[in-house]
PDB file of N, CA and C in Angstrom:
ATOM      1  N   MET A   1       5.310  69.475 296.874  1.00  0.00           N
ATOM      2  CA  MET A   1       5.795  70.751 296.585  1.00  0.00           C
ATOM      3  C   MET A   1       4.519  71.774 297.278  1.00  0.00           C
ATOM      4  N   GLU A   2       5.344  72.847 298.205  1.00  0.00           N
ATOM      5  CA  GLU A   2       4.282  73.746 298.532  1.00  0.00           C
ATOM      6  C   GLU A   2       3.751  74.494 297.705  1.00  0.00           C
ATOM      7  N   ALA A   3       2.774  74.977 297.652  1.00  0.00           N
ATOM      8  CA  ALA A   3       1.913  75.965 296.804  1.00  0.00           C
ATOM      9  C   ALA A   3       2.013  77.481 297.503  1.00  0.00           C
ATOM     10  N   LYS A   4       2.274  78.399 296.946  1.00  0.00           N
ATOM     11  CA  LYS A   4       2.242  79.834 297.481  1.00  0.00           C
ATOM     12  C   LYS A   4       1.550  80.690 296.769  1.00  0.00           C
ATOM     13  N   TYR A   5       0.671  81.659 297.792  1.00  0.00           N
ATOM     14  CA  TYR A   5      -0.181  82.515 296.838  1.00  0.00           C
ATOM     15  C   TYR A   5       0.203  83.901 297.530  1.00  0.00           C
ATOM     16  N   SER A   6      -0.051  84.944 296.920  1.00  0.00           N
ATOM     17  CA  SER A   6      -0.330  86.276 297.127  1.00  0.00           C
ATOM     18  C   SER A   6      -1.609  86.908 296.987  1.00  0.00           C
ATOM     19  N   LEU A   7      -2.215  87.719 297.980  1.00  0.00           N
ATOM     20  CA  LEU A   7      -3.561  88.258 297.735  1.00  0.00           C
ATOM     21  C   LEU A   7      -3.081  89.341 296.826  1.00  0.00           C
ATOM     22  N   ARG A   8      -3.809  90.187 295.963  1.00  0.00           N
ATOM     23  CA  ARG A   8      -3.928  91.258 295.264  1.00  0.00           C
ATOM     24  C   ARG A   8      -4.180  92.520 296.617  1.00  0.00           C
ATOM     25  N   ARG A   9      -3.476  93.583 296.177  1.00  0.00           N
ATOM     26  CA  ARG A   9      -3.791  94.701 297.331  1.00  0.00           C
ATOM     27  C   ARG A   9      -4.551  95.487 296.614  1.00  0.00           C
ATOM     28  N   HIS A  10      -5.632  96.124 297.494  1.00  0.00           N
ATOM     29  CA  HIS A  10      -6.771  97.078 297.098  1.00  0.00           C
ATOM     30  C   HIS A  10      -6.082  98.261 296.603  1.00  0.00           C
ATOM     31  N   ARG A  11      -6.783  98.784 295.624  1.00  0.00           N
ATOM     32  CA  ARG A  11      -6.590 100.280 295.068  1.00  0.00           C
ATOM     33  C   ARG A  11      -6.668 101.176 296.187  1.00  0.00           C
ATOM     34  N   VAL A  12      -5.776 102.155 296.079  1.00  0.00           N
ATOM     35  CA  VAL A  12      -6.039 103.259 297.487  1.00  0.00           C
ATOM     36  C   VAL A  12      -6.522 104.661 297.170  1.00  0.00           C
ATOM     37  N   LYS A  13      -7.150 105.169 297.723  1.00  0.00           N
ATOM     38  CA  LYS A  13      -7.525 106.776 297.547  1.00  0.00           C
ATOM     39  C   LYS A  13      -7.002 107.501 298.595  1.00  0.00           C
ATOM     40  N   ARG A  14      -6.077 108.541 298.511  1.00  0.00           N
ATOM     41  CA  ARG A  14      -5.563 109.431 299.467  1.00  0.00           C
ATOM     42  C   ARG A  14      -6.829 110.315 299.744  1.00  0.00           C
ATOM     43  N   VAL A  15      -7.174 110.438 300.945  1.00  0.00           N
ATOM     44  CA  VAL A  15      -8.170 111.358 301.619  1.00  0.00           C
ATOM     45  C   VAL A  15      -7.839 112.145 302.650  1.00  0.00           C
ATOM     46  N   GLU A  16      -8.254 113.268 302.939  1.00  0.00           N
ATOM     47  CA  GLU A  16      -7.855 113.943 304.019  1.00  0.00           C
ATOM     48  C   GLU A  16      -9.201 114.326 304.832  1.00  0.00           C
ATOM     49  N   ILE A  17      -8.947 114.195 306.323  1.00  0.00           N
ATOM     50  CA  ILE A  17     -10.176 114.241 307.099  1.00  0.00           C
ATOM     51  C   ILE A  17      -9.657 115.036 308.344  1.00  0.00           C
ATOM     52  N   ASP A  18     -10.095 116.494 308.493  1.00  0.00           N
ATOM     53  CA  ASP A  18      -9.689 117.405 309.557  1.00  0.00           C
ATOM     54  C   ASP A  18      -8.281 117.469 309.225  1.00  0.00           C
ATOM     55  N   GLY A  19      -7.539 117.917 308.337  1.00  0.00           N
ATOM     56  CA  GLY A  19      -6.492 117.960 308.142  1.00  0.00           C
ATOM     57  C   GLY A  19      -5.236 116.836 308.112  1.00  0.00           C
ATOM     58  N   LYS A  20      -6.022 115.631 308.022  1.00  0.00           N
ATOM     59  CA  LYS A  20      -5.020 114.650 308.369  1.00  0.00           C
ATOM     60  C   LYS A  20      -5.175 113.760 307.139  1.00  0.00           C
ATOM     61  N   ALA A  21      -4.054 113.260 306.452  1.00  0.00           N
ATOM     62  CA  ALA A  21      -4.462 112.143 305.245  1.00  0.00           C
ATOM     63  C   ALA A  21      -4.463 110.900 305.848  1.00  0.00           C
ATOM     64  N   TYR A  22      -5.079 110.072 305.157  1.00  0.00           N
ATOM     65  CA  TYR A  22      -5.332 108.562 305.067  1.00  0.00           C
ATOM     66  C   TYR A  22      -5.686 107.780 303.997  1.00  0.00           C
ATOM     67  N   ASP A  23      -5.223 106.511 303.867  1.00  0.00           N
ATOM     68  CA  ASP A  23      -5.265 106.141 302.569  1.00  0.00           C
ATOM     69  C   ASP A  23      -6.617 105.171 302.607  1.00  0.00           C
ATOM     70  N   ALA A  24      -7.721 105.420 301.776  1.00  0.00           N
ATOM     71  CA  ALA A  24      -8.763 104.343 302.179  1.00  0.00           C
ATOM     72  C   ALA A  24      -8.642 103.260 300.895  1.00  0.00           C
ATOM     73  N   ARG A  25      -9.038 102.039 301.564  1.00  0.00           N
ATOM     74  CA  ARG A  25      -9.155 101.043 300.433  1.00  0.00           C
ATOM     75  C   ARG A  25     -10.455 101.035 299.707  1.00  0.00           C
ATOM     76  N   LEU A  26     -10.205 100.961 298.463  1.00  0.00           N
ATOM     77  CA  LEU A  26     -11.117 100.968 297.171  1.00  0.00           C
ATOM     78  C   LEU A  26     -11.579  99.571 296.984  1.00  0.00           C
ATOM     79  N   GLY A  27     -13.145  99.640 296.459  1.00  0.00           N
ATOM     80  CA  GLY A  27     -13.437  98.289 296.210  1.00  0.00           C
ATOM     81  C   GLY A  27     -14.115  97.337 297.227  1.00  0.00           C
ATOM     82  N   ASN A  28     -14.202  97.522 298.384  1.00  0.00           N
ATOM     83  CA  ASN A  28     -14.619  96.440 299.257  1.00  0.00           C
ATOM     84  C   ASN A  28     -16.022  96.899 299.449  1.00  0.00           C
ATOM     85  N   LEU A  29     -16.893  95.916 298.937  1.00  0.00           N
ATOM     86  CA  LEU A  29     -18.152  96.169 298.624  1.00  0.00           C
ATOM     87  C   LEU A  29     -19.097  95.694 300.213  1.00  0.00           C
ATOM     88  N   THR A  30     -18.154  95.259 301.093  1.00  0.00           N
ATOM     89  CA  THR A  30     -18.840  95.073 302.465  1.00  0.00           C
ATOM     90  C   THR A  30     -19.464  96.059 303.248  1.00  0.00           C
ATOM     91  N   PHE A  31     -18.576  97.328 302.996  1.00  0.00           N
ATOM     92  CA  PHE A  31     -19.327  98.614 303.670  1.00  0.00           C
ATOM     93  C   PHE A  31     -20.740  98.599 303.026  1.00  0.00           C
ATOM     94  N   ALA A  32     -21.330  98.625 301.983  1.00  0.00           N
ATOM     95  CA  ALA A  32     -22.686  98.625 301.729  1.00  0.00           C
ATOM     96  C   ALA A  32     -23.569  97.852 302.917  1.00  0.00           C
ATOM     97  N   LEU A  33     -23.171  96.651 302.876  1.00  0.00           N
ATOM     98  CA  LEU A  33     -23.851  95.635 303.962  1.00  0.00           C
ATOM     99  C   LEU A  33     -23.974  96.253 305.041  1.00  0.00           C
ATOM    100  N   ASP A  34     -22.739  96.643 305.866  1.00  0.00           N
ATOM    101  CA  ASP A  34     -22.227  96.923 307.044  1.00  0.00           C
ATOM    102  C   ASP A  34     -22.903  98.459 307.407  1.00  0.00           C
ATOM    103  N   ALA A  35     -23.083  99.173 306.361  1.00  0.00           N
ATOM    104  CA  ALA A  35     -23.841 100.683 306.550  1.00  0.00           C
ATOM    105  C   ALA A  35     -25.329 100.279 306.766  1.00  0.00           C
ATOM    106  N   LYS A  36     -25.896  99.496 306.115  1.00  0.00           N
ATOM    107  CA  LYS A  36     -27.115  99.147 306.200  1.00  0.00           C
ATOM    108  C   LYS A  36     -27.384  99.097 307.768  1.00  0.00           C
ATOM    109  N   GLU A  37     -26.683  98.102 308.273  1.00  0.00           N
ATOM    110  CA  GLU A  37     -27.021  97.431 309.699  1.00  0.00           C
ATOM    111  C   GLU A  37     -26.230  98.437 310.569  1.00  0.00           C
ATOM    112  N   LEU A  38     -25.107  99.364 310.404  1.00  0.00           N
ATOM    113  CA  LEU A  38     -24.951 100.568 311.284  1.00  0.00           C
ATOM    114  C   LEU A  38     -26.502 101.566 311.419  1.00  0.00           C
ATOM    115  N   ALA A  39     -26.905 101.743 310.397  1.00  0.00           N
ATOM    116  CA  ALA A  39     -27.864 103.042 310.270  1.00  0.00           C
ATOM    117  C   ALA A  39     -29.196 102.378 311.257  1.00  0.00           C
ATOM    118  N   ALA A  40     -29.565 100.937 311.177  1.00  0.00           N
ATOM    119  CA  ALA A  40     -30.517 100.388 311.959  1.00  0.00           C
ATOM    120  C   ALA A  40     -30.024 100.473 313.547  1.00  0.00           C
ATOM    121  N   LYS A  41     -28.555 100.275 313.754  1.00  0.00           N
ATOM    122  CA  LYS A  41     -28.252 100.418 315.066  1.00  0.00           C
ATOM    123  C   LYS A  41     -28.477 101.907 315.715  1.00  0.00           C
ATOM    124  N   MET A  42     -27.951 102.807 314.467  1.00  0.00           N
ATOM    125  CA  MET A  42     -27.958 104.135 315.264  1.00  0.00           C
ATOM    126  C   MET A  42     -29.472 104.412 315.436  1.00  0.00           C
ATOM    127  N   ALA A  43     -30.233 104.401 314.446  1.00  0.00           N
ATOM    128  CA  ALA A  43     -31.472 104.667 314.851  1.00  0.00           C
ATOM    129  C   ALA A  43     -32.235 103.923 315.955  1.00  0.00           C
ATOM    130  N   SER A  44     -32.072 102.890 316.527  1.00  0.00           N
ATOM    131  CA  SER A  44     -32.496 102.313 317.705  1.00  0.00           C
ATOM    132  C   SER A  44     -31.756 103.359 318.772  1.00  0.00           C
ATOM    133  N   ILE A  45     -30.716 104.164 318.975  1.00  0.00           N
ATOM    134  CA  ILE A  45     -30.477 104.422 319.997  1.00  0.00           C
ATOM    135  C   ILE A  45     -31.586 105.940 320.429  1.00  0.00           C
ATOM    136  N   GLY A  46     -32.482 105.978 319.604  1.00  0.00           N
ATOM    137  CA  GLY A  46     -33.293 107.142 320.111  1.00  0.00           C
ATOM    138  C   GLY A  46     -34.480 106.636 320.000  1.00  0.00           C
ATOM    139  N   GLU A  47     -34.875 105.373 320.112  1.00  0.00           N
ATOM    140  CA  GLU A  47     -36.180 104.920 320.608  1.00  0.00           C
ATOM    141  C   GLU A  47     -36.540 105.271 321.860  1.00  0.00           C
ATOM    142  N   ASP A  48     -37.952 105.452 321.826  1.00  0.00           N
ATOM    143  CA  ASP A  48     -38.617 105.888 323.165  1.00  0.00           C
ATOM    144  C   ASP A  48     -38.456 104.963 324.178  1.00  0.00           C
ATOM    145  N   GLY A  49     -38.366 105.053 325.983  1.00  0.00           N
ATOM    146  CA  GLY A  49     -38.478 104.246 326.541  1.00  0.00           C
ATOM    147  C   GLY A  49     -37.198 103.512 327.198  1.00  0.00           C
ATOM    148  N   LEU A  50     -36.269 103.887 326.422  1.00  0.00           N
ATOM    149  CA  LEU A  50     -34.971 103.326 326.881  1.00  0.00           C
ATOM    150  C   LEU A  50     -34.266 103.979 328.118  1.00  0.00           C
ATOM    151  N   ASP A  51     -33.804 103.515 328.642  1.00  0.00           N
ATOM    152  CA  ASP A  51     -33.071 103.820 330.083  1.00  0.00           C
ATOM    153  C   ASP A  51     -31.853 104.270 329.499  1.00  0.00           C
ATOM    154  N   ASP A  52     -31.017 104.849 330.395  1.00  0.00           N
ATOM    155  CA  ASP A  52     -29.716 105.204 330.130  1.00  0.00           C
ATOM    156  C   ASP A  52     -28.598 104.130 329.673  1.00  0.00           C
ATOM    157  N   GLY A  53     -28.619 103.389 330.161  1.00  0.00           N
ATOM    158  CA  GLY A  53     -27.887 101.972 330.385  1.00  0.00           C
ATOM    159  C   GLY A  53     -28.159 101.660 328.967  1.00  0.00           C
ATOM    160  N   GLU A  54     -29.246 101.230 328.534  1.00  0.00           N
ATOM    161  CA  GLU A  54     -29.446 100.858 327.163  1.00  0.00           C
ATOM    162  C   GLU A  54     -29.102 101.712 326.143  1.00  0.00           C
ATOM    163  N   ILE A  55     -29.258 102.748 325.997  1.00  0.00           N
ATOM    164  CA  ILE A  55     -28.930 103.938 325.456  1.00  0.00           C
ATOM    165  C   ILE A  55     -27.478 103.762 325.273  1.00  0.00           C
ATOM    166  N   ILE A  56     -26.535 103.508 326.195  1.00  0.00           N
ATOM    167  CA  ILE A  56     -24.945 103.580 326.455  1.00  0.00           C
ATOM    168  C   ILE A  56     -24.828 102.310 325.741  1.00  0.00           C
ATOM    169  N   ALA A  57     -25.457 101.180 325.729  1.00  0.00           N
ATOM    170  CA  ALA A  57     -25.049  99.959 325.116  1.00  0.00           C
ATOM    171  C   ALA A  57     -25.371  99.899 323.583  1.00  0.00           C
ATOM    172  N   ARG A  58     -26.456 100.413 323.337  1.00  0.00           N
ATOM    173  CA  ARG A  58     -26.776 100.368 321.665  1.00  0.00           C
ATOM    174  C   ARG A  58     -25.624 101.437 321.148  1.00  0.00           C
ATOM    175  N   ALA A  59     -25.025 102.467 321.852  1.00  0.00           N
ATOM    176  CA  ALA A  59     -24.333 103.303 321.178  1.00  0.00           C
ATOM    177  C   ALA A  59     -23.039 102.813 321.139  1.00  0.00           C
ATOM    178  N   GLU A  60     -22.715 102.046 322.283  1.00  0.00           N
ATOM    179  CA  GLU A  60     -21.299 101.443 322.186  1.00  0.00           C
ATOM    180  C   GLU A  60     -21.342 100.128 320.997  1.00  0.00           C
ATOM    181  N   ASP A  61     -22.468  99.580 320.834  1.00  0.00           N
ATOM    182  CA  ASP A  61     -22.798  98.574 319.843  1.00  0.00           C
ATOM    183  C   ASP A  61     -22.402  99.553 318.473  1.00  0.00           C
ATOM    184  N   ALA A  62     -23.124 100.278 318.243  1.00  0.00           N
ATOM    185  CA  ALA A  62     -23.051 101.062 317.042  1.00  0.00           C
ATOM    186  C   ALA A  62     -21.576 101.873 316.613  1.00  0.00           C
ATOM    187  N   SER A  63     -20.797 101.906 317.657  1.00  0.00           N
ATOM    188  CA  SER A  63     -19.958 102.583 317.699  1.00  0.00           C
ATOM    189  C   SER A  63     -18.409 101.616 317.336  1.00  0.00           C
ATOM    190  N   ASN A  64     -18.758 100.325 317.884  1.00  0.00           N
ATOM    191  CA  ASN A  64     -17.975  99.207 317.408  1.00  0.00           C
ATOM    192  C   ASN A  64     -17.975  98.762 316.209  1.00  0.00           C
ATOM    193  N   SER A  65     -19.339  98.865 315.547  1.00  0.00           N
ATOM    194  CA  SER A  65     -19.502  98.517 314.100  1.00  0.00           C
ATOM    195  C   SER A  65     -18.771  99.447 313.202  1.00  0.00           C
ATOM    196  N   ALA A  66     -19.154 100.838 313.482  1.00  0.00           N
ATOM    197  CA  ALA A  66     -18.789 102.058 312.847  1.00  0.00           C
ATOM    198  C   ALA A  66     -16.965 101.850 312.595  1.00  0.00           C
ATOM    199  N   ARG A  67     -16.581 101.358 313.944  1.00  0.00           N
ATOM    200  CA  ARG A  67     -14.956 101.384 314.016  1.00  0.00           C
ATOM    201  C   ARG A  67     -14.511  99.989 313.089  1.00  0.00           C
ATOM    202  N   ALA A  68     -15.203  99.071 313.360  1.00  0.00           N
ATOM    203  CA  ALA A  68     -14.935  97.968 312.095  1.00  0.00           C
ATOM    204  C   ALA A  68     -14.736  98.281 310.846  1.00  0.00           C
ATOM    205  N   MET A  69     -15.921  99.084 310.404  1.00  0.00           N
ATOM    206  CA  MET A  69     -16.020  99.543 309.140  1.00  0.00           C
ATOM    207  C   MET A  69     -14.613 100.417 308.534  1.00  0.00           C
ATOM    208  N   ALA A  70     -14.575 101.353 309.603  1.00  0.00           N
ATOM    209  CA  ALA A  70     -13.344 102.242 309.418  1.00  0.00           C
ATOM    210  C   ALA A  70     -11.877 101.448 309.478  1.00  0.00           C
ATOM    211  N   ALA A  71     -11.996 100.532 309.861  1.00  0.00           N
ATOM    212  CA  ALA A  71     -10.616  99.805 309.990  1.00  0.00           C
ATOM    213  C   ALA A  71     -10.541  98.923 308.552  1.00  0.00           C
ATOM    214  N   ALA A  72     -11.832  98.514 308.161  1.00  0.00           N
ATOM    215  CA  ALA A  72     -11.641  97.819 306.705  1.00  0.00           C
ATOM    216  C   ALA A  72     -11.278  99.155 305.649  1.00  0.00           C
ATOM    217  N   MET A  73     -11.825 100.222 305.934  1.00  0.00           N
ATOM    218  CA  MET A  73     -11.583 101.080 304.614  1.00  0.00           C
ATOM    219  C   MET A  73     -10.202 101.721 305.134  1.00  0.00           C
ATOM    220  N   PHE A  74      -9.678 102.344 306.380  1.00  0.00           N
ATOM    221  CA  PHE A  74      -8.581 102.858 306.497  1.00  0.00           C
ATOM    222  C   PHE A  74      -7.362 102.186 307.118  1.00  0.00           C
ATOM    223  N   GLY A  75      -7.619 100.984 307.584  1.00  0.00           N
ATOM    224  CA  GLY A  75      -6.734 100.241 308.544  1.00  0.00           C
ATOM    225  C   GLY A  75      -7.089 100.153 310.009  1.00  0.00           C
ATOM    226  N   ASP A  76      -6.337  99.703 310.819  1.00  0.00           N
ATOM    227  CA  ASP A  76      -6.671  99.772 312.307  1.00  0.00           C
ATOM    228  C   ASP A  76      -6.198 100.931 313.038  1.00  0.00           C
ATOM    229  N   ALA A  77      -4.898 101.230 312.642  1.00  0.00           N
ATOM    230  CA  ALA A  77      -4.827 102.334 313.379  1.00  0.00           C
ATOM    231  C   ALA A  77      -5.613 103.698 313.014  1.00  0.00           C
ATOM    232  N   ALA A  78      -5.841 103.599 311.828  1.00  0.00           N
ATOM    233  CA  ALA A  78      -6.478 105.137 311.640  1.00  0.00           C
ATOM    234  C   ALA A  78      -7.802 104.996 312.111  1.00  0.00           C
ATOM    235  N   ALA A  79      -8.464 103.598 312.207  1.00  0.00           N
ATOM    236  CA  ALA A  79      -9.919 103.392 312.770  1.00  0.00           C
ATOM    237  C   ALA A  79      -9.852 104.017 314.078  1.00  0.00           C
ATOM    238  N   GLU A  80      -8.776 103.697 314.893  1.00  0.00           N
ATOM    239  CA  GLU A  80      -8.768 103.848 316.397  1.00  0.00           C
ATOM    240  C   GLU A  80      -8.280 105.200 316.427  1.00  0.00           C
ATOM    241  N   GLU A  81      -7.844 105.903 315.701  1.00  0.00           N
ATOM    242  CA  GLU A  81      -7.548 107.211 315.632  1.00  0.00           C
ATOM    243  C   GLU A  81      -8.836 108.365 315.283  1.00  0.00           C
ATOM    244  N   LEU A  82      -9.576 107.910 314.449  1.00  0.00           N
ATOM    245  CA  LEU A  82     -11.095 108.418 314.121  1.00  0.00           C
ATOM    246  C   LEU A  82     -11.970 108.069 315.080  1.00  0.00           C
ATOM    247  N   LEU A  83     -12.350 107.028 315.391  1.00  0.00           N
ATOM    248  CA  LEU A  83     -13.320 106.735 316.012  1.00  0.00           C
ATOM    249  C   LEU A  83     -13.030 105.905 317.747  1.00  0.00           C
ATOM    250  N   GLY A  84     -12.139 105.864 317.900  1.00  0.00           N
ATOM    251  CA  GLY A  84     -11.229 105.169 319.097  1.00  0.00           C
ATOM    252  C   GLY A  84     -11.349 106.177 320.287  1.00  0.00           C
ATOM    253  N   GLY A  85     -11.019 105.683 321.473  1.00  0.00           N
ATOM    254  CA  GLY A  85     -10.374 106.611 322.763  1.00  0.00           C
ATOM    255  C   GLY A  85     -11.707 107.168 322.764  1.00  0.00           C
ATOM    256  N   ALA A  86     -11.385 108.742 323.157  1.00  0.00           N
ATOM    257  CA  ALA A  86     -12.377 109.708 323.249  1.00  0.00           C
ATOM    258  C   ALA A  86     -13.576 110.058 322.226  1.00  0.00           C
ATOM    259  N   HIS A  87     -13.415 109.540 321.212  1.00  0.00           N
ATOM    260  CA  HIS A  87     -14.442 109.503 319.903  1.00  0.00           C
ATOM    261  C   HIS A  87     -15.357 108.434 320.010  1.00  0.00           C
ATOM    262  N   ARG A  88     -14.968 107.417 320.887  1.00  0.00           N
ATOM    263  CA  ARG A  88     -15.968 105.951 320.809  1.00  0.00           C
ATOM    264  C   ARG A  88     -17.264 105.977 320.797  1.00  0.00           C
ATOM    265  N   LEU A  89     -17.778 107.250 321.865  1.00  0.00           N
ATOM    266  CA  LEU A  89     -19.254 107.309 321.864  1.00  0.00           C
ATOM    267  C   LEU A  89     -19.521 108.743 321.122  1.00  0.00           C
ATOM    268  N   ASP A  90     -18.927 109.256 320.499  1.00  0.00           N
ATOM    269  CA  ASP A  90     -19.316 110.541 319.781  1.00  0.00           C
ATOM    270  C   ASP A  90     -19.771 110.755 318.586  1.00  0.00           C
ATOM    271  N   VAL A  91     -21.220 110.444 318.981  1.00  0.00           N
ATOM    272  CA  VAL A  91     -22.371 110.096 317.624  1.00  0.00           C
ATOM    273  C   VAL A  91     -22.242 111.128 316.624  1.00  0.00           C
ATOM    274  N   LEU A  92     -22.161 112.230 316.677  1.00  0.00           N
ATOM    275  CA  LEU A  92     -21.979 113.418 315.764  1.00  0.00           C
ATOM    276  C   LEU A  92     -20.742 112.935 315.137  1.00  0.00           C
ATOM    277  N   ARG A  93     -19.594 112.442 315.512  1.00  0.00           N
ATOM    278  CA  ARG A  93     -18.361 111.996 314.825  1.00  0.00           C
ATOM    279  C   ARG A  93     -18.443 111.037 314.070  1.00  0.00           C
ATOM    280  N   ILE A  94     -19.174 109.922 314.862  1.00  0.00           N
ATOM    281  CA  ILE A  94     -19.170 108.590 314.302  1.00  0.00           C
ATOM    282  C   ILE A  94     -20.195 108.704 312.793  1.00  0.00           C
ATOM    283  N   ALA A  95     -21.184 109.667 312.970  1.00  0.00           N
ATOM    284  CA  ALA A  95     -22.184 109.951 311.520  1.00  0.00           C
ATOM    285  C   ALA A  95     -21.362 110.672 310.678  1.00  0.00           C
ATOM    286  N   ASP A  96     -20.013 111.484 311.135  1.00  0.00           N
ATOM    287  CA  ASP A  96     -19.603 112.424 310.153  1.00  0.00           C
ATOM    288  C   ASP A  96     -18.664 111.358 309.052  1.00  0.00           C
ATOM    289  N   ILE A  97     -17.954 110.294 310.051  1.00  0.00           N
ATOM    290  CA  ILE A  97     -17.197 109.350 309.584  1.00  0.00           C
ATOM    291  C   ILE A  97     -17.709 108.415 308.583  1.00  0.00           C
ATOM    292  N   VAL A  98     -18.910 107.932 309.028  1.00  0.00           N
ATOM    293  CA  VAL A  98     -19.938 107.079 307.995  1.00  0.00           C
ATOM    294  C   VAL A  98     -20.162 107.836 306.643  1.00  0.00           C
ATOM    295  N   SER A  99     -20.536 108.921 306.865  1.00  0.00           N
ATOM    296  CA  SER A  99     -20.817 109.830 305.817  1.00  0.00           C
ATOM    297  C   SER A  99     -19.670 109.860 304.684  1.00  0.00           C
ATOM    298  N   ILE A 100     -18.540 110.025 305.243  1.00  0.00           N
ATOM    299  CA  ILE A 100     -17.256 110.311 304.638  1.00  0.00           C
ATOM    300  C   ILE A 100     -17.018 108.750 304.004  1.00  0.00           C
ATOM    301  N   MET A 101     -17.237 107.835 304.932  1.00  0.00           N
ATOM    302  CA  MET A 101     -16.741 106.541 304.307  1.00  0.00           C
ATOM    303  C   MET A 101     -17.716 106.039 303.003  1.00  0.00           C
ATOM    304  N   ALA A 102     -18.793 106.869 303.199  1.00  0.00           N
ATOM    305  CA  ALA A 102     -19.939 106.120 301.821  1.00  0.00           C
ATOM    306  C   ALA A 102     -19.698 107.021 300.707  1.00  0.00           C
ATOM    307  N   ASP A 103     -19.498 108.151 300.955  1.00  0.00           N
ATOM    308  CA  ASP A 103     -18.621 109.025 299.803  1.00  0.00           C
ATOM    309  C   ASP A 103     -17.743 108.244 299.068  1.00  0.00           C
ATOM    310  N   ILE A 104     -16.903 107.763 299.693  1.00  0.00           N
ATOM    311  CA  ILE A 104     -15.534 107.099 299.309  1.00  0.00           C
ATOM    312  C   ILE A 104     -16.278 105.488 298.802  1.00  0.00           C
ATOM    313  N   ALA A 105     -16.889 104.813 299.321  1.00  0.00           N
ATOM    314  CA  ALA A 105     -17.500 103.531 298.751  1.00  0.00           C
ATOM    315  C   ALA A 105     -17.819 103.694 297.657  1.00  0.00           C
ATOM    316  N   SER A 106     -18.782 105.067 297.387  1.00  0.00           N
ATOM    317  CA  SER A 106     -19.761 105.133 296.567  1.00  0.00           C
ATOM    318  C   SER A 106     -19.395 105.974 295.189  1.00  0.00           C
ATOM    319  N   SER A 107     -17.893 106.093 295.074  1.00  0.00           N
ATOM    320  CA  SER A 107     -17.416 106.987 294.244  1.00  0.00           C
ATOM    321  C   SER A 107     -16.954 106.181 292.933  1.00  0.00           C
ATOM    322  N   ASP A 108     -16.895 106.898 291.880  1.00  0.00           N
ATOM    323  CA  ASP A 108     -16.700 106.087 290.547  1.00  0.00           C
ATOM    324  C   ASP A 108     -15.590 105.307 290.756  1.00  0.00           C
ATOM    325  N   GLU A 109     -14.435 105.715 291.569  1.00  0.00           N
ATOM    326  CA  GLU A 109     -13.039 104.931 291.642  1.00  0.00           C
ATOM    327  C   GLU A 109     -13.311 103.630 292.472  1.00  0.00           C
ATOM    328  N   SER A 110     -14.104 103.751 293.635  1.00  0.00           N
ATOM    329  CA  SER A 110     -14.348 102.418 294.161  1.00  0.00           C
ATOM    330  C   SER A 110     -15.178 101.518 293.630  1.00  0.00           C
ATOM    331  N   VAL A 111     -16.305 102.114 292.580  1.00  0.00           N
ATOM    332  CA  VAL A 111     -17.112 100.966 291.967  1.00  0.00           C
ATOM    333  C   VAL A 111     -16.046 100.554 290.931  1.00  0.00           C
ATOM    334  N   ALA A 112     -15.400 101.063 290.323  1.00  0.00           N
ATOM    335  CA  ALA A 112     -14.339 100.457 289.091  1.00  0.00           C
ATOM    336  C   ALA A 112     -13.465  99.859 289.641  1.00  0.00           C
ATOM    337  N   ALA A 113     -12.972  99.910 291.178  1.00  0.00           N
ATOM    338  CA  ALA A 113     -12.211  99.121 291.541  1.00  0.00           C
ATOM    339  C   ALA A 113     -12.506  97.539 291.939  1.00  0.00           C
ATOM    340  N   ALA A 114     -13.889  97.666 292.374  1.00  0.00           N
ATOM    341  CA  ALA A 114     -14.635  96.591 292.738  1.00  0.00           C
ATOM    342  C   ALA A 114     -14.951  95.836 291.329  1.00  0.00           C
ATOM    343  N   LYS A 115     -15.412  96.631 290.235  1.00  0.00           N
ATOM    344  CA  LYS A 115     -15.631  95.956 289.090  1.00  0.00           C
ATOM    345  C   LYS A 115     -14.222  95.108 288.691  1.00  0.00           C
ATOM    346  N   GLU A 116     -12.979  95.836 288.530  1.00  0.00           N
ATOM    347  CA  GLU A 116     -11.840  95.354 288.109  1.00  0.00           C
ATOM    348  C   GLU A 116     -11.700  94.324 289.001  1.00  0.00           C
ATOM    349  N   ALA A 117     -11.754  93.982 290.512  1.00  0.00           N
ATOM    350  CA  ALA A 117     -11.235  92.633 291.052  1.00  0.00           C
ATOM    351  C   ALA A 117     -12.226  91.418 290.718  1.00  0.00           C
ATOM    352  N   PHE A 118     -13.623  91.838 289.984  1.00  0.00           N
ATOM    353  CA  PHE A 118     -14.354  90.777 289.780  1.00  0.00           C
ATOM    354  C   PHE A 118     -14.113  90.574 288.258  1.00  0.00           C
ATOM    355  N   GLY A 119     -13.173  91.290 287.428  1.00  0.00           N
ATOM    356  CA  GLY A 119     -12.682  91.097 286.172  1.00  0.00           C
ATOM    357  C   GLY A 119     -13.884  91.543 285.216  1.00  0.00           C
ATOM    358  N   ALA A 120     -14.639  92.601 285.761  1.00  0.00           N
ATOM    359  CA  ALA A 120     -15.526  93.256 284.694  1.00  0.00           C
ATOM    360  C   ALA A 120     -15.194  94.474 283.963  1.00  0.00           C
TER     361      ALA A 120
END
């Protein structure tokens, strides 16, 4: 007999960013690890002595990381809308979206969702 399993769904919080509503998945602790890595990548963009190509390459790497983080929290379509296309190298926008995600991830609701997932 085949065993069938269903994964639990994340609790979500409805948030508004620039007038548009998004569902943020709560309780995903991966954000904390990814945010530390992303901060280092973004800081490396401003290092002295980089040529234009290296600056762009580092910005693209940071952008890809931020977009992956947004996809984990908001879903792929929302991540593309928030940080893709014309926004993919908009460092100011990336910083703002990451700050918003940090607020959501560190909220009491998100921490409670993570604890609940572990049975705490």
